[in-house]
Structures are given as C-alpha cells and as structure tokens.
Amino acid sequence: MNWGHQLKQLFVLNWREKIISLVLAFLFWFMIKAQDARQTPTYSMPPAARMTVPTSPAPSQLTPVIPPPVQLPSQLEPMLSPPGATTAPAAKSGEAIKSSTGL
C-alpha cells in the first residue's frame, strides 16, 4: 500500500465519529475559555499579622508542673523462674507432631 491510500483511509474511515469528536472538543474548549474569561474576583494573600512579644513572664498558674517520679518497689518479683528450677518438656517425635496438628 502506498502512503496516499493510507492517508485517504485515515480521513475517510469512520469520518462521522471523527467529525463529532472534533465538534465536541471545540465545544468543551469554548466552554472552558468562557469560564476562564469571566470576571472573577482575584484572590490575594492576606496581609501579614504582627505578633507582639510579651515582655513579662507567664503567670505562675500557667507554668508547667512536673509530677513527682513514680516510686518503684525495691524488690521486683521475677517473671521467669531461674534456670534449672524446672525441666523443659520432652521433645515430641514426628508422629506425635503430625497427630497433634491434625495432619
């Protein structure tokens, strides 16, 4: 096929759909342009506010209060028993593991 025939097919094939899509594209473009061209108020940044720095210290009722430290008991009980106090359970064989897991 030559280039001329392919270019002709590009314009001729589905020409109605192509014209409709071009018309819709221009309509949307004009609608967006009309919305942009309307006289909308311009928004600007508000003026910066000046903050005054207080020269006097904060009142005593506003000063932070640190709570007293928590008293821990002097002797804590161990969570685990010392090593050697109890014996570890015997290891299960492969058959016992299969039967306990349901396999």
N, C-alpha and C. Protein backbone atom coordinates (compact mmCIF):
# COMPACT_ATOMS: atom_id res chain seq x y z
N MET A 1 0.84 -1.19 0.00
CA MET A 1 0.00 0.00 0.00
C MET A 1 0.87 1.25 0.00
N ASN A 2 0.41 2.24 -0.71
CA ASN A 2 1.19 3.47 -0.74
C ASN A 2 0.69 4.44 0.34
N TRP A 3 1.48 5.48 0.56
CA TRP A 3 1.15 6.44 1.62
C TRP A 3 -0.11 7.23 1.31
N GLY A 4 -0.35 7.52 0.07
CA GLY A 4 -1.53 8.28 -0.30
C GLY A 4 -2.81 7.55 0.04
N HIS A 5 -2.82 6.27 -0.23
CA HIS A 5 -4.01 5.47 0.08
C HIS A 5 -4.23 5.36 1.60
N GLN A 6 -3.15 5.20 2.35
CA GLN A 6 -3.27 5.12 3.82
C GLN A 6 -3.75 6.45 4.40
N LEU A 7 -3.27 7.58 3.83
CA LEU A 7 -3.71 8.88 4.32
C LEU A 7 -5.18 9.10 4.01
N LYS A 8 -5.62 8.66 2.84
CA LYS A 8 -7.04 8.77 2.47
C LYS A 8 -7.90 7.93 3.42
N GLN A 9 -7.45 6.70 3.73
CA GLN A 9 -8.21 5.83 4.64
C GLN A 9 -8.27 6.45 6.04
N LEU A 10 -7.22 7.16 6.43
CA LEU A 10 -7.20 7.80 7.75
C LEU A 10 -8.33 8.81 7.89
N PHE A 11 -8.62 9.55 6.83
CA PHE A 11 -9.68 10.55 6.89
C PHE A 11 -11.06 9.99 6.55
N VAL A 12 -11.11 9.02 5.66
CA VAL A 12 -12.40 8.51 5.18
C VAL A 12 -13.01 7.50 6.15
N LEU A 13 -12.19 6.64 6.74
CA LEU A 13 -12.69 5.59 7.61
C LEU A 13 -13.23 6.20 8.91
N ASN A 14 -14.47 5.89 9.26
CA ASN A 14 -15.16 6.40 10.46
C ASN A 14 -15.19 7.93 10.50
N TRP A 15 -15.54 8.56 9.39
CA TRP A 15 -15.49 10.01 9.30
C TRP A 15 -16.55 10.69 10.16
N ARG A 16 -17.71 10.05 10.37
CA ARG A 16 -18.75 10.67 11.20
C ARG A 16 -18.29 10.80 12.65
N GLU A 17 -17.71 9.73 13.17
CA GLU A 17 -17.24 9.76 14.54
C GLU A 17 -16.13 10.80 14.73
N LYS A 18 -15.29 10.93 13.72
CA LYS A 18 -14.20 11.90 13.83
C LYS A 18 -14.72 13.33 13.82
N ILE A 19 -15.72 13.61 13.00
CA ILE A 19 -16.29 14.96 12.97
C ILE A 19 -17.00 15.26 14.28
N ILE A 20 -17.76 14.31 14.79
CA ILE A 20 -18.46 14.51 16.07
C ILE A 20 -17.46 14.75 17.20
N SER A 21 -16.36 14.00 17.23
CA SER A 21 -15.37 14.21 18.30
C SER A 21 -14.71 15.57 18.17
N LEU A 22 -14.45 16.04 16.92
CA LEU A 22 -13.87 17.38 16.74
C LEU A 22 -14.83 18.47 17.21
N VAL A 23 -16.12 18.32 16.89
CA VAL A 23 -17.12 19.31 17.32
C VAL A 23 -17.21 19.35 18.84
N LEU A 24 -17.25 18.18 19.48
CA LEU A 24 -17.31 18.15 20.94
C LEU A 24 -16.05 18.73 21.57
N ALA A 25 -14.90 18.47 20.98
CA ALA A 25 -13.65 19.03 21.52
C ALA A 25 -13.68 20.55 21.47
N PHE A 26 -14.14 21.13 20.34
CA PHE A 26 -14.21 22.59 20.26
C PHE A 26 -15.25 23.17 21.21
N LEU A 27 -16.39 22.47 21.39
CA LEU A 27 -17.39 22.96 22.34
C LEU A 27 -16.84 22.98 23.76
N PHE A 28 -16.16 21.93 24.16
CA PHE A 28 -15.56 21.93 25.50
C PHE A 28 -14.50 23.01 25.64
N TRP A 29 -13.73 23.21 24.59
CA TRP A 29 -12.69 24.24 24.65
C TRP A 29 -13.31 25.62 24.81
N PHE A 30 -14.39 25.90 24.06
CA PHE A 30 -15.06 27.19 24.18
C PHE A 30 -15.71 27.37 25.55
N MET A 31 -16.27 26.29 26.11
CA MET A 31 -16.87 26.39 27.44
C MET A 31 -15.82 26.71 28.50
N ILE A 32 -14.68 26.06 28.41
CA ILE A 32 -13.61 26.31 29.39
C ILE A 32 -13.07 27.72 29.22
N LYS A 33 -12.93 28.16 27.96
CA LYS A 33 -12.43 29.51 27.70
C LYS A 33 -13.40 30.55 28.23
N ALA A 34 -14.71 30.31 28.09
CA ALA A 34 -15.71 31.26 28.58
C ALA A 34 -15.68 31.34 30.11
N GLN A 35 -15.48 30.21 30.77
CA GLN A 35 -15.41 30.23 32.23
C GLN A 35 -14.16 30.96 32.70
N ASP A 36 -13.07 30.80 31.98
CA ASP A 36 -11.82 31.45 32.37
C ASP A 36 -11.87 32.95 32.13
N ALA A 37 -12.61 33.38 31.09
CA ALA A 37 -12.65 34.79 30.73
C ALA A 37 -13.62 35.60 31.59
N ARG A 38 -14.47 34.92 32.36
CA ARG A 38 -15.42 35.67 33.20
C ARG A 38 -14.67 36.51 34.21
N GLN A 39 -15.29 37.58 34.61
CA GLN A 39 -14.68 38.47 35.60
C GLN A 39 -14.86 37.88 36.99
N THR A 40 -13.91 37.13 37.43
CA THR A 40 -13.94 36.56 38.77
C THR A 40 -13.05 37.39 39.66
N PRO A 41 -13.41 37.51 40.92
CA PRO A 41 -12.55 38.30 41.81
C PRO A 41 -11.19 37.63 41.96
N THR A 42 -10.19 38.44 41.98
CA THR A 42 -8.84 37.90 42.14
C THR A 42 -8.57 37.72 43.63
N TYR A 43 -7.98 36.64 43.95
CA TYR A 43 -7.69 36.34 45.34
C TYR A 43 -6.23 36.68 45.61
N SER A 44 -6.01 37.34 46.71
CA SER A 44 -4.65 37.68 47.08
C SER A 44 -4.39 37.21 48.50
N MET A 45 -3.15 37.18 48.85
CA MET A 45 -2.77 36.75 50.18
C MET A 45 -3.18 37.81 51.20
N PRO A 46 -3.66 37.40 52.37
CA PRO A 46 -3.99 38.39 53.40
C PRO A 46 -2.71 39.04 53.91
N PRO A 47 -2.83 40.24 54.43
CA PRO A 47 -1.63 40.90 54.94
C PRO A 47 -1.06 40.14 56.14
N ALA A 48 0.23 40.24 56.30
CA ALA A 48 0.88 39.55 57.40
C ALA A 48 0.50 40.19 58.72
N ALA A 49 0.21 39.37 59.71
CA ALA A 49 -0.17 39.87 61.03
C ALA A 49 1.08 40.03 61.88
N ARG A 50 1.11 41.10 62.63
CA ARG A 50 2.25 41.32 63.53
C ARG A 50 1.92 40.71 64.88
N MET A 51 2.89 40.01 65.41
CA MET A 51 2.71 39.41 66.73
C MET A 51 3.54 40.20 67.72
N THR A 52 2.91 40.51 68.83
CA THR A 52 3.64 41.22 69.87
C THR A 52 4.23 40.20 70.82
N VAL A 53 5.45 40.42 71.18
CA VAL A 53 6.15 39.52 72.10
C VAL A 53 5.93 40.04 73.51
N PRO A 54 5.37 39.20 74.39
CA PRO A 54 5.16 39.68 75.77
C PRO A 54 6.51 39.87 76.48
N THR A 55 6.59 40.94 77.22
CA THR A 55 7.85 41.23 77.93
C THR A 55 7.81 40.67 79.35
N SER A 56 6.62 40.46 79.90
CA SER A 56 6.54 39.94 81.26
C SER A 56 6.50 38.41 81.22
N PRO A 57 7.00 37.73 82.26
CA PRO A 57 6.95 36.27 82.26
C PRO A 57 5.51 35.78 82.45
N ALA A 58 5.29 34.53 82.16
CA ALA A 58 3.96 33.94 82.27
C ALA A 58 3.55 33.89 83.73
N PRO A 59 2.25 34.01 84.01
CA PRO A 59 1.79 33.90 85.39
C PRO A 59 2.13 32.53 85.98
N SER A 60 2.21 32.48 87.30
CA SER A 60 2.63 31.24 87.96
C SER A 60 1.66 30.09 87.74
N GLN A 61 0.37 30.38 87.58
CA GLN A 61 -0.58 29.29 87.39
C GLN A 61 -0.44 28.66 86.00
N LEU A 62 0.30 29.27 85.08
CA LEU A 62 0.48 28.71 83.76
C LEU A 62 1.83 28.03 83.58
N THR A 63 2.69 28.09 84.58
CA THR A 63 3.98 27.44 84.43
C THR A 63 3.81 25.93 84.49
N PRO A 64 4.58 25.18 83.74
CA PRO A 64 4.41 23.73 83.74
C PRO A 64 4.83 23.12 85.08
N VAL A 65 4.09 22.13 85.47
CA VAL A 65 4.37 21.45 86.73
C VAL A 65 4.81 20.03 86.41
N ILE A 66 5.95 19.63 86.90
CA ILE A 66 6.45 18.29 86.67
C ILE A 66 5.96 17.40 87.81
N PRO A 67 5.27 16.28 87.46
CA PRO A 67 4.76 15.41 88.53
C PRO A 67 5.94 14.70 89.21
N PRO A 68 5.73 14.31 90.47
CA PRO A 68 6.82 13.61 91.17
C PRO A 68 7.06 12.25 90.53
N PRO A 69 8.29 11.75 90.58
CA PRO A 69 8.59 10.46 89.95
C PRO A 69 7.84 9.32 90.66
N VAL A 70 7.54 8.30 89.90
CA VAL A 70 6.82 7.14 90.43
C VAL A 70 7.81 6.30 91.23
N GLN A 71 7.39 5.92 92.44
CA GLN A 71 8.24 5.10 93.29
C GLN A 71 8.04 3.63 92.95
N LEU A 72 9.11 2.96 92.55
CA LEU A 72 9.04 1.54 92.25
C LEU A 72 9.40 0.75 93.49
N PRO A 73 8.82 -0.45 93.63
CA PRO A 73 9.19 -1.26 94.79
C PRO A 73 10.67 -1.64 94.69
N SER A 74 11.28 -1.79 95.84
CA SER A 74 12.71 -2.07 95.85
C SER A 74 13.01 -3.49 95.37
N GLN A 75 12.13 -4.43 95.63
CA GLN A 75 12.34 -5.82 95.23
C GLN A 75 11.26 -6.21 94.24
N LEU A 76 11.65 -6.50 93.01
CA LEU A 76 10.69 -6.93 91.99
C LEU A 76 10.70 -8.45 91.90
N GLU A 77 9.53 -9.04 91.68
CA GLU A 77 9.44 -10.48 91.55
C GLU A 77 9.81 -10.86 90.13
N PRO A 78 10.61 -11.91 89.95
CA PRO A 78 10.98 -12.31 88.59
C PRO A 78 9.79 -12.93 87.88
N MET A 79 9.69 -12.65 86.59
CA MET A 79 8.59 -13.20 85.80
C MET A 79 8.89 -14.65 85.42
N LEU A 80 10.14 -14.97 85.17
CA LEU A 80 10.53 -16.33 84.81
C LEU A 80 11.26 -16.95 85.97
N SER A 81 11.11 -18.24 86.09
CA SER A 81 11.84 -18.91 87.16
C SER A 81 13.32 -19.00 86.77
N PRO A 82 14.20 -19.11 87.74
CA PRO A 82 15.63 -19.18 87.42
C PRO A 82 15.94 -20.45 86.63
N PRO A 83 17.00 -20.43 85.85
CA PRO A 83 17.33 -21.61 85.05
C PRO A 83 17.61 -22.82 85.93
N GLY A 84 17.14 -23.96 85.49
CA GLY A 84 17.36 -25.20 86.23
C GLY A 84 16.29 -25.49 87.26
N ALA A 85 15.38 -24.56 87.53
CA ALA A 85 14.36 -24.79 88.53
C ALA A 85 13.32 -25.78 88.01
N THR A 86 12.99 -25.68 86.74
CA THR A 86 12.03 -26.62 86.16
C THR A 86 12.67 -27.23 84.93
N THR A 87 12.19 -28.37 84.56
CA THR A 87 12.75 -29.02 83.38
C THR A 87 11.88 -28.72 82.18
N ALA A 88 12.50 -28.69 81.03
CA ALA A 88 11.77 -28.43 79.79
C ALA A 88 10.97 -29.68 79.43
N PRO A 89 9.81 -29.52 78.77
CA PRO A 89 9.04 -30.70 78.37
C PRO A 89 9.81 -31.50 77.33
N ALA A 90 9.55 -32.77 77.29
CA ALA A 90 10.24 -33.65 76.36
C ALA A 90 9.84 -33.32 74.94
N ALA A 91 10.78 -33.41 74.01
CA ALA A 91 10.50 -33.12 72.61
C ALA A 91 9.62 -34.21 72.03
N LYS A 92 8.67 -33.80 71.21
CA LYS A 92 7.76 -34.76 70.59
C LYS A 92 8.41 -35.33 69.34
N SER A 93 8.05 -36.57 69.04
CA SER A 93 8.55 -37.19 67.82
C SER A 93 7.74 -36.67 66.63
N GLY A 94 8.15 -37.03 65.43
CA GLY A 94 7.46 -36.58 64.23
C GLY A 94 6.04 -37.06 64.17
N GLU A 95 5.78 -38.29 64.60
CA GLU A 95 4.42 -38.83 64.57
C GLU A 95 3.52 -38.10 65.55
N ALA A 96 4.06 -37.75 66.71
CA ALA A 96 3.25 -37.04 67.70
C ALA A 96 2.89 -35.65 67.21
N ILE A 97 3.81 -35.01 66.49
CA ILE A 97 3.54 -33.67 65.95
C ILE A 97 2.46 -33.75 64.89
N LYS A 98 2.51 -34.76 64.01
CA LYS A 98 1.50 -34.90 62.97
C LYS A 98 0.13 -35.15 63.57
N SER A 99 0.07 -35.97 64.59
CA SER A 99 -1.23 -36.28 65.18
C SER A 99 -1.78 -35.08 65.93
N SER A 100 -0.92 -34.26 66.53
CA SER A 100 -1.43 -33.12 67.28
C SER A 100 -1.88 -31.99 66.36
N THR A 101 -1.29 -31.89 65.16
CA THR A 101 -1.69 -30.83 64.23
C THR A 101 -2.84 -31.25 63.33
N GLY A 102 -3.21 -32.50 63.33
CA GLY A 102 -4.32 -32.96 62.53
C GLY A 102 -3.92 -33.35 61.13
N LEU A 103 -2.63 -33.53 60.90
CA LEU A 103 -2.18 -33.92 59.55
C LEU A 103 -2.16 -35.41 59.37
